[in-house]
Amino acid sequence: MVRSRGAVIYRYVTCMRQCIMRLTGSLRVVAVLLLVGLTWLLASTLFGGEGGSSVRYFFGGASEDPTPEPRPRKYKCGLSAPCPSKHLAFRLVSGAANVIGPKICLEDKMLVSSVKNNVGRGLNVALVNGVTGELLDTKTFDMWAGDVSDLLKFLRPLHEGTLVFVASFDDPATKLNDEARRLFEELGSTAIKELAFRDSWVFVGAKGIENKSPFEQRMKNSKSNNKYEGWPESLEMDGCIPLRPPLES
């Protein structure tokens, strides 16, 4: 293939030289310059390379760069779609092992995170007014070496309609007693009955909920399936929670 291309160029050059020899004076100089230029163009076209690209650019114009695919639009708290009117967008991320802290995001505002320096081992809880979406309080409860009575005092006086967001970090269950588990059940949890040492857990419930909450995930601590040494993988959950209508006075 290379030899045949070389033969083409050779025949082309020979022909052009014969034509030039018939010219005289300034016409011969012009013809020589044209021969050199056209020979370079022909060689670049036949053999490719950067010269060929330059030729194609010169005669065909700059090729348009492919249009990059648009990035998927992200909505509040990183959701892939916007929430309906009168709904709260949320995202929960449980802690990863005992290294990376959990996150609780609501309406694009980070309520709990390591950056805010308000996370801790155990259960990380945020209380939100279910009518207005206003943040009421955030607290952490150490379920390995802490006192479960602190958690009980926090959950017992909740008002009707209060939203409860929970994200675990490290160990969420060692100190849980029957009353603490019952209180979470009343908030709509089904996984709380079996929540155990170093499980990953994310949950959204509400005081006075009539049915079980659809917003709950649990990853069991299992040596055979753990992602980290001694801990399961982190859980991530997001969605839209409807605001409650104002309670009748």
C-alpha atoms as a PDB file:
ATOM      1  CA  MET A   1       0.000   0.000   0.000  1.00  0.00           C
ATOM      2  CA  VAL A   2       2.843   2.379   0.894  1.00  0.00           C
ATOM      3  CA  ARG A   3       4.678   1.498  -2.327  1.00  0.00           C
ATOM      4  CA  SER A   4       1.621   2.186  -4.466  1.00  0.00           C
ATOM      5  CA  ARG A   5       1.147   5.582  -2.765  1.00  0.00           C
ATOM      6  CA  GLY A   6       4.824   6.370  -3.388  1.00  0.00           C
ATOM      7  CA  ALA A   7       4.424   5.434  -7.045  1.00  0.00           C
ATOM      8  CA  VAL A   8       1.505   7.822  -7.354  1.00  0.00           C
ATOM      9  CA  ILE A   9       3.552  10.674  -5.949  1.00  0.00           C
ATOM     10  CA  TYR A  10       6.546   9.758  -8.152  1.00  0.00           C
ATOM     11  CA  ARG A  11       4.440   9.798 -11.315  1.00  0.00           C
ATOM     12  CA  TYR A  12       2.827  13.062 -10.246  1.00  0.00           C
ATOM     13  CA  VAL A  13       6.168  14.755  -9.604  1.00  0.00           C
ATOM     14  CA  THR A  14       7.672  13.465 -12.872  1.00  0.00           C
ATOM     15  CA  CYS A  15       4.725  14.783 -14.833  1.00  0.00           C
ATOM     16  CA  MET A  16       4.891  18.168 -13.152  1.00  0.00           C
ATOM     17  CA  ARG A  17       8.659  18.457 -13.801  1.00  0.00           C
ATOM     18  CA  GLN A  18       8.156  17.796 -17.478  1.00  0.00           C
ATOM     19  CA  CYS A  19       5.562  20.538 -17.589  1.00  0.00           C
ATOM     20  CA  ILE A  20       7.836  22.960 -15.727  1.00  0.00           C
ATOM     21  CA  MET A  21      10.717  22.331 -18.119  1.00  0.00           C
ATOM     22  CA  ARG A  22       8.590  23.736 -20.916  1.00  0.00           C
ATOM     23  CA  LEU A  23       8.239  27.018 -19.027  1.00  0.00           C
ATOM     24  CA  THR A  24      10.798  29.771 -18.797  1.00  0.00           C
ATOM     25  CA  GLY A  25      11.756  32.616 -16.485  1.00  0.00           C
ATOM     26  CA  SER A  26       9.413  33.720 -13.738  1.00  0.00           C
ATOM     27  CA  LEU A  27       6.738  31.260 -14.760  1.00  0.00           C
ATOM     28  CA  ARG A  28       9.150  28.407 -14.007  1.00  0.00           C
ATOM     29  CA  VAL A  29       9.790  29.784 -10.455  1.00  0.00           C
ATOM     30  CA  VAL A  30       6.086  30.049  -9.765  1.00  0.00           C
ATOM     31  CA  ALA A  31       5.542  26.548 -11.112  1.00  0.00           C
ATOM     32  CA  VAL A  32       8.285  25.129  -8.847  1.00  0.00           C
ATOM     33  CA  LEU A  33       6.684  26.674  -5.777  1.00  0.00           C
ATOM     34  CA  LEU A  34       3.318  25.283  -6.757  1.00  0.00           C
ATOM     35  CA  LEU A  35       4.882  21.859  -7.317  1.00  0.00           C
ATOM     36  CA  VAL A  36       6.426  21.812  -3.848  1.00  0.00           C
ATOM     37  CA  GLY A  37       3.199  22.886  -2.182  1.00  0.00           C
ATOM     38  CA  LEU A  38       0.945  20.524  -4.087  1.00  0.00           C
ATOM     39  CA  THR A  39       3.373  17.611  -3.540  1.00  0.00           C
ATOM     40  CA  TRP A  40       3.275  18.232   0.223  1.00  0.00           C
ATOM     41  CA  LEU A  41      -0.522  18.376   0.180  1.00  0.00           C
ATOM     42  CA  LEU A  42      -0.761  15.160  -1.811  1.00  0.00           C
ATOM     43  CA  ALA A  43       1.673  13.318   0.439  1.00  0.00           C
ATOM     44  CA  SER A  44      -0.111  14.526   3.576  1.00  0.00           C
ATOM     45  CA  THR A  45      -3.456  13.401   2.219  1.00  0.00           C
ATOM     46  CA  LEU A  46      -2.193   9.954   1.184  1.00  0.00           C
ATOM     47  CA  PHE A  47      -0.135   9.183   4.295  1.00  0.00           C
ATOM     48  CA  GLY A  48      -2.203  10.989   6.943  1.00  0.00           C
ATOM     49  CA  GLY A  49      -0.595  12.597   9.998  1.00  0.00           C
ATOM     50  CA  GLU A  50      -0.828  16.074  11.341  1.00  0.00           C
ATOM     51  CA  GLY A  51      -0.257  17.554   7.911  1.00  0.00           C
ATOM     52  CA  GLY A  52      -3.329  15.719   6.628  1.00  0.00           C
ATOM     53  CA  SER A  53      -5.331  17.136   9.487  1.00  0.00           C
ATOM     54  CA  SER A  54      -4.117  20.592   8.626  1.00  0.00           C
ATOM     55  CA  VAL A  55      -5.144  20.102   5.003  1.00  0.00           C
ATOM     56  CA  ARG A  56      -8.578  18.934   5.978  1.00  0.00           C
ATOM     57  CA  TYR A  57      -8.856  21.902   8.353  1.00  0.00           C
ATOM     58  CA  PHE A  58      -7.769  24.320   5.610  1.00  0.00           C
ATOM     59  CA  PHE A  59     -10.172  23.063   2.974  1.00  0.00           C
ATOM     60  CA  GLY A  60     -13.012  21.800   5.102  1.00  0.00           C
ATOM     61  CA  GLY A  61     -12.985  24.196   8.024  1.00  0.00           C
ATOM     62  CA  ALA A  62     -12.715  23.310  11.717  1.00  0.00           C
ATOM     63  CA  SER A  63     -14.715  20.260  12.700  1.00  0.00           C
ATOM     64  CA  GLU A  64     -17.227  20.932  15.404  1.00  0.00           C
ATOM     65  CA  ASP A  65     -16.552  19.346  18.776  1.00  0.00           C
ATOM     66  CA  PRO A  66     -19.247  16.912  19.843  1.00  0.00           C
ATOM     67  CA  THR A  67     -21.778  18.540  22.107  1.00  0.00           C
ATOM     68  CA  PRO A  68     -21.254  17.191  25.651  1.00  0.00           C
ATOM     69  CA  GLU A  69     -24.220  15.466  27.200  1.00  0.00           C
ATOM     70  CA  PRO A  70     -25.937  17.742  29.706  1.00  0.00           C
ATOM     71  CA  ARG A  71     -25.433  16.743  33.327  1.00  0.00           C
ATOM     72  CA  PRO A  72     -28.545  15.503  35.086  1.00  0.00           C
ATOM     73  CA  ARG A  73     -30.101  18.339  36.987  1.00  0.00           C
ATOM     74  CA  LYS A  74     -30.055  18.033  40.739  1.00  0.00           C
ATOM     75  CA  TYR A  75     -32.755  19.419  42.960  1.00  0.00           C
ATOM     76  CA  LYS A  76     -32.964  20.107  46.701  1.00  0.00           C
ATOM     77  CA  CYS A  77     -30.689  17.828  48.746  1.00  0.00           C
ATOM     78  CA  GLY A  78     -29.440  16.280  45.503  1.00  0.00           C
ATOM     79  CA  LEU A  79     -32.736  14.644  44.528  1.00  0.00           C
ATOM     80  CA  SER A  80     -33.086  13.677  40.872  1.00  0.00           C
ATOM     81  CA  ALA A  81     -36.576  15.208  40.632  1.00  0.00           C
ATOM     82  CA  PRO A  82     -38.307  18.068  42.421  1.00  0.00           C
ATOM     83  CA  CYS A  83     -40.767  17.378  45.200  1.00  0.00           C
ATOM     84  CA  PRO A  84     -44.441  18.283  44.740  1.00  0.00           C
ATOM     85  CA  SER A  85     -45.865  21.388  46.313  1.00  0.00           C
ATOM     86  CA  LYS A  86     -46.228  21.233  50.106  1.00  0.00           C
ATOM     87  CA  HIS A  87     -43.629  18.449  50.375  1.00  0.00           C
ATOM     88  CA  LEU A  88     -40.217  18.492  52.054  1.00  0.00           C
ATOM     89  CA  ALA A  89     -37.176  17.187  50.158  1.00  0.00           C
ATOM     90  CA  PHE A  90     -34.794  15.185  52.323  1.00  0.00           C
ATOM     91  CA  ARG A  91     -31.709  12.989  52.133  1.00  0.00           C
ATOM     92  CA  LEU A  92     -30.281  10.807  54.903  1.00  0.00           C
ATOM     93  CA  VAL A  93     -26.856   9.164  54.883  1.00  0.00           C
ATOM     94  CA  SER A  94     -25.765   6.891  57.705  1.00  0.00           C
ATOM     95  CA  GLY A  95     -22.199   6.961  58.964  1.00  0.00           C
ATOM     96  CA  ALA A  96     -19.543   4.822  57.295  1.00  0.00           C
ATOM     97  CA  ALA A  97     -17.964   2.530  59.902  1.00  0.00           C
ATOM     98  CA  ASN A  98     -16.718   4.784  62.715  1.00  0.00           C
ATOM     99  CA  VAL A  99     -14.865   7.128  60.373  1.00  0.00           C
ATOM    100  CA  ILE A 100     -17.246   9.159  58.196  1.00  0.00           C
ATOM    101  CA  GLY A 101     -20.119  10.840  59.994  1.00  0.00           C
ATOM    102  CA  PRO A 102     -23.779  10.778  58.924  1.00  0.00           C
ATOM    103  CA  LYS A 103     -25.705  13.511  57.115  1.00  0.00           C
ATOM    104  CA  ILE A 104     -29.252  14.762  57.380  1.00  0.00           C
ATOM    105  CA  CYS A 105     -30.357  17.220  54.691  1.00  0.00           C
ATOM    106  CA  LEU A 106     -33.783  18.881  54.537  1.00  0.00           C
ATOM    107  CA  GLU A 107     -34.943  21.352  51.890  1.00  0.00           C
ATOM    108  CA  ASP A 108     -31.333  21.815  50.734  1.00  0.00           C
ATOM    109  CA  LYS A 109     -30.181  22.705  54.253  1.00  0.00           C
ATOM    110  CA  MET A 110     -27.742  20.451  56.064  1.00  0.00           C
ATOM    111  CA  LEU A 111     -29.158  19.824  59.526  1.00  0.00           C
ATOM    112  CA  VAL A 112     -26.590  17.274  60.686  1.00  0.00           C
ATOM    113  CA  SER A 113     -23.085  16.685  59.305  1.00  0.00           C
ATOM    114  CA  SER A 114     -19.435  16.455  60.252  1.00  0.00           C
ATOM    115  CA  VAL A 115     -18.893  19.886  58.701  1.00  0.00           C
ATOM    116  CA  LYS A 116     -21.420  21.353  61.147  1.00  0.00           C
ATOM    117  CA  ASN A 117     -19.640  19.454  63.920  1.00  0.00           C
ATOM    118  CA  ASN A 118     -22.892  18.091  65.332  1.00  0.00           C
ATOM    119  CA  VAL A 119     -22.572  14.344  64.719  1.00  0.00           C
ATOM    120  CA  GLY A 120     -21.729  11.644  67.209  1.00  0.00           C
ATOM    121  CA  ARG A 121     -21.531   7.919  67.739  1.00  0.00           C
ATOM    122  CA  GLY A 122     -24.909   6.221  68.045  1.00  0.00           C
ATOM    123  CA  LEU A 123     -28.150   7.852  66.895  1.00  0.00           C
ATOM    124  CA  ASN A 124     -28.140  11.266  65.231  1.00  0.00           C
ATOM    125  CA  VAL A 125     -31.633  12.755  65.426  1.00  0.00           C
ATOM    126  CA  ALA A 126     -33.264  15.867  63.984  1.00  0.00           C
ATOM    127  CA  LEU A 127     -36.758  17.024  64.959  1.00  0.00           C
ATOM    128  CA  VAL A 128     -38.766  19.058  62.455  1.00  0.00           C
ATOM    129  CA  ASN A 129     -42.161  20.739  62.657  1.00  0.00           C
ATOM    130  CA  GLY A 130     -44.345  18.632  60.378  1.00  0.00           C
ATOM    131  CA  VAL A 131     -46.620  21.578  59.526  1.00  0.00           C
ATOM    132  CA  THR A 132     -44.067  24.299  58.736  1.00  0.00           C
ATOM    133  CA  GLY A 133     -40.886  22.310  58.030  1.00  0.00           C
ATOM    134  CA  GLU A 134     -39.012  24.331  60.650  1.00  0.00           C
ATOM    135  CA  LEU A 135     -36.071  22.665  62.416  1.00  0.00           C
ATOM    136  CA  LEU A 136     -36.839  22.203  66.109  1.00  0.00           C
ATOM    137  CA  ASP A 137     -33.751  20.462  67.480  1.00  0.00           C
ATOM    138  CA  THR A 138     -30.828  18.138  66.735  1.00  0.00           C
ATOM    139  CA  LYS A 139     -29.111  15.795  69.171  1.00  0.00           C
ATOM    140  CA  THR A 140     -26.842  12.750  69.215  1.00  0.00           C
ATOM    141  CA  PHE A 141     -27.223   9.803  71.564  1.00  0.00           C
ATOM    142  CA  ASP A 142     -24.298   7.483  72.274  1.00  0.00           C
ATOM    143  CA  MET A 143     -25.734   3.971  72.143  1.00  0.00           C
ATOM    144  CA  TRP A 144     -22.463   2.265  73.060  1.00  0.00           C
ATOM    145  CA  ALA A 145     -21.329   4.038  76.212  1.00  0.00           C
ATOM    146  CA  GLY A 146     -24.064   6.626  76.802  1.00  0.00           C
ATOM    147  CA  ASP A 147     -27.227   6.644  78.908  1.00  0.00           C
ATOM    148  CA  VAL A 148     -30.428   5.600  77.140  1.00  0.00           C
ATOM    149  CA  SER A 149     -32.443   7.741  79.543  1.00  0.00           C
ATOM    150  CA  ASP A 150     -31.274  10.809  77.607  1.00  0.00           C
ATOM    151  CA  LEU A 151     -32.896   9.408  74.480  1.00  0.00           C
ATOM    152  CA  LEU A 152     -36.101   8.581  76.343  1.00  0.00           C
ATOM    153  CA  LYS A 153     -36.379  12.100  77.751  1.00  0.00           C
ATOM    154  CA  PHE A 154     -35.950  13.420  74.213  1.00  0.00           C
ATOM    155  CA  LEU A 155     -38.610  11.237  72.580  1.00  0.00           C
ATOM    156  CA  ARG A 156     -41.337  11.059  75.226  1.00  0.00           C
ATOM    157  CA  PRO A 157     -42.640  14.671  75.029  1.00  0.00           C
ATOM    158  CA  LEU A 158     -42.816  14.927  71.213  1.00  0.00           C
ATOM    159  CA  HIS A 159     -45.860  16.816  69.931  1.00  0.00           C
ATOM    160  CA  GLU A 160     -48.319  15.409  67.415  1.00  0.00           C
ATOM    161  CA  GLY A 161     -47.038  15.807  63.858  1.00  0.00           C
ATOM    162  CA  THR A 162     -43.358  16.221  64.746  1.00  0.00           C
ATOM    163  CA  LEU A 163     -41.092  14.674  62.097  1.00  0.00           C
ATOM    164  CA  VAL A 164     -38.180  12.597  63.380  1.00  0.00           C
ATOM    165  CA  PHE A 165     -35.092  12.051  61.186  1.00  0.00           C
ATOM    166  CA  VAL A 166     -32.542   9.469  62.339  1.00  0.00           C
ATOM    167  CA  ALA A 167     -29.153   8.457  60.915  1.00  0.00           C
ATOM    168  CA  SER A 168     -26.887   5.961  62.655  1.00  0.00           C
ATOM    169  CA  PHE A 169     -23.140   6.202  63.186  1.00  0.00           C
ATOM    170  CA  ASP A 170     -20.968   3.298  64.385  1.00  0.00           C
ATOM    171  CA  ASP A 171     -23.226   1.525  66.922  1.00  0.00           C
ATOM    172  CA  PRO A 172     -26.916   2.520  67.109  1.00  0.00           C
ATOM    173  CA  ALA A 173     -28.350  -0.209  69.298  1.00  0.00           C
ATOM    174  CA  THR A 174     -26.331  -1.597  72.215  1.00  0.00           C
ATOM    175  CA  LYS A 175     -27.946   0.654  74.834  1.00  0.00           C
ATOM    176  CA  LEU A 176     -31.483   0.543  73.402  1.00  0.00           C
ATOM    177  CA  ASN A 177     -34.059  -0.863  75.843  1.00  0.00           C
ATOM    178  CA  ASP A 178     -37.654  -1.985  75.339  1.00  0.00           C
ATOM    179  CA  GLU A 179     -39.125   1.460  75.941  1.00  0.00           C
ATOM    180  CA  ALA A 180     -36.789   3.156  73.464  1.00  0.00           C
ATOM    181  CA  ARG A 181     -37.646   0.581  70.811  1.00  0.00           C
ATOM    182  CA  ARG A 182     -41.368   1.006  71.501  1.00  0.00           C
ATOM    183  CA  LEU A 183     -41.120   4.774  71.129  1.00  0.00           C
ATOM    184  CA  PHE A 184     -39.525   4.376  67.696  1.00  0.00           C
ATOM    185  CA  GLU A 185     -42.211   1.851  66.760  1.00  0.00           C
ATOM    186  CA  GLU A 186     -44.835   4.461  67.618  1.00  0.00           C
ATOM    187  CA  LEU A 187     -43.050   6.810  65.224  1.00  0.00           C
ATOM    188  CA  GLY A 188     -43.523   4.270  62.429  1.00  0.00           C
ATOM    189  CA  SER A 189     -40.356   2.143  62.564  1.00  0.00           C
ATOM    190  CA  THR A 190     -40.452  -1.565  61.753  1.00  0.00           C
ATOM    191  CA  ALA A 191     -36.694  -2.215  61.769  1.00  0.00           C
ATOM    192  CA  ILE A 192     -36.188  -1.009  65.343  1.00  0.00           C
ATOM    193  CA  LYS A 193     -37.243  -4.372  66.770  1.00  0.00           C
ATOM    194  CA  GLU A 194     -34.200  -6.099  65.268  1.00  0.00           C
ATOM    195  CA  LEU A 195     -31.749  -3.196  65.176  1.00  0.00           C
ATOM    196  CA  ALA A 196     -28.483  -4.519  66.599  1.00  0.00           C
ATOM    197  CA  PHE A 197     -24.836  -3.749  67.295  1.00  0.00           C
ATOM    198  CA  ARG A 198     -23.194  -1.779  64.470  1.00  0.00           C
ATOM    199  CA  ASP A 199     -26.127  -2.068  62.081  1.00  0.00           C
ATOM    200  CA  SER A 200     -26.575   0.819  59.633  1.00  0.00           C
ATOM    201  CA  TRP A 201     -29.966   2.534  59.955  1.00  0.00           C
ATOM    202  CA  VAL A 202     -31.750   5.539  58.454  1.00  0.00           C
ATOM    203  CA  PHE A 203     -35.315   6.417  59.334  1.00  0.00           C
ATOM    204  CA  VAL A 204     -37.933   9.146  59.033  1.00  0.00           C
ATOM    205  CA  GLY A 205     -41.001   8.889  61.264  1.00  0.00           C
ATOM    206  CA  ALA A 206     -43.609  11.123  62.811  1.00  0.00           C
ATOM    207  CA  LYS A 207     -45.412  11.455  66.094  1.00  0.00           C
ATOM    208  CA  GLY A 208     -48.977  10.214  65.653  1.00  0.00           C
ATOM    209  CA  ILE A 209     -48.343   8.373  62.370  1.00  0.00           C
ATOM    210  CA  GLU A 210     -51.186   5.967  61.603  1.00  0.00           C
ATOM    211  CA  ASN A 211     -49.232   3.527  59.432  1.00  0.00           C
ATOM    212  CA  LYS A 212     -45.691   2.300  59.276  1.00  0.00           C
ATOM    213  CA  SER A 213     -43.235   4.749  57.785  1.00  0.00           C
ATOM    214  CA  PRO A 214     -42.218   4.138  54.147  1.00  0.00           C
ATOM    215  CA  PHE A 215     -38.911   5.884  54.823  1.00  0.00           C
ATOM    216  CA  GLU A 216     -36.656   3.388  56.554  1.00  0.00           C
ATOM    217  CA  GLN A 217     -33.627   1.258  55.672  1.00  0.00           C
ATOM    218  CA  ARG A 218     -31.492  -1.078  57.728  1.00  0.00           C
ATOM    219  CA  MET A 219     -28.274  -2.894  56.826  1.00  0.00           C
ATOM    220  CA  LYS A 220     -27.419  -5.742  59.157  1.00  0.00           C
ATOM    221  CA  ASN A 221     -23.921  -6.059  60.596  1.00  0.00           C
ATOM    222  CA  SER A 222     -22.688  -9.347  59.127  1.00  0.00           C
ATOM    223  CA  LYS A 223     -19.091 -10.551  58.987  1.00  0.00           C
ATOM    224  CA  SER A 224     -19.717 -12.308  55.677  1.00  0.00           C
ATOM    225  CA  ASN A 225     -21.304  -9.299  53.972  1.00  0.00           C
ATOM    226  CA  ASN A 226     -19.791  -6.244  55.665  1.00  0.00           C
ATOM    227  CA  LYS A 227     -18.255  -3.679  53.324  1.00  0.00           C
ATOM    228  CA  TYR A 228     -15.902  -2.375  55.982  1.00  0.00           C
ATOM    229  CA  GLU A 229     -13.993  -4.424  58.521  1.00  0.00           C
ATOM    230  CA  GLY A 230     -16.522  -4.814  61.332  1.00  0.00           C
ATOM    231  CA  TRP A 231     -19.224  -2.583  59.807  1.00  0.00           C
ATOM    232  CA  PRO A 232     -21.791  -2.848  56.997  1.00  0.00           C
ATOM    233  CA  GLU A 233     -21.919  -0.315  54.191  1.00  0.00           C
ATOM    234  CA  SER A 234     -23.369   3.135  54.640  1.00  0.00           C
ATOM    235  CA  LEU A 235     -27.018   3.661  53.727  1.00  0.00           C
ATOM    236  CA  GLU A 236     -28.431   6.542  51.711  1.00  0.00           C
ATOM    237  CA  MET A 237     -32.122   7.398  51.418  1.00  0.00           C
ATOM    238  CA  ASP A 238     -33.979  10.368  49.976  1.00  0.00           C
ATOM    239  CA  GLY A 239     -37.530  11.345  49.145  1.00  0.00           C
ATOM    240  CA  CYS A 240     -40.372  13.801  49.625  1.00  0.00           C
ATOM    241  CA  ILE A 241     -42.417  14.080  52.808  1.00  0.00           C
ATOM    242  CA  PRO A 242     -45.832  15.779  52.716  1.00  0.00           C
ATOM    243  CA  LEU A 243     -46.398  18.593  55.159  1.00  0.00           C
ATOM    244  CA  ARG A 244     -49.236  18.078  57.553  1.00  0.00           C
ATOM    245  CA  PRO A 245     -52.208  20.456  57.565  1.00  0.00           C
ATOM    246  CA  PRO A 246     -52.355  22.661  60.665  1.00  0.00           C
ATOM    247  CA  LEU A 247     -53.906  20.914  63.645  1.00  0.00           C
ATOM    248  CA  GLU A 248     -57.357  22.135  64.572  1.00  0.00           C
ATOM    249  CA  SER A 249     -57.329  24.130  67.778  1.00  0.00           C
END
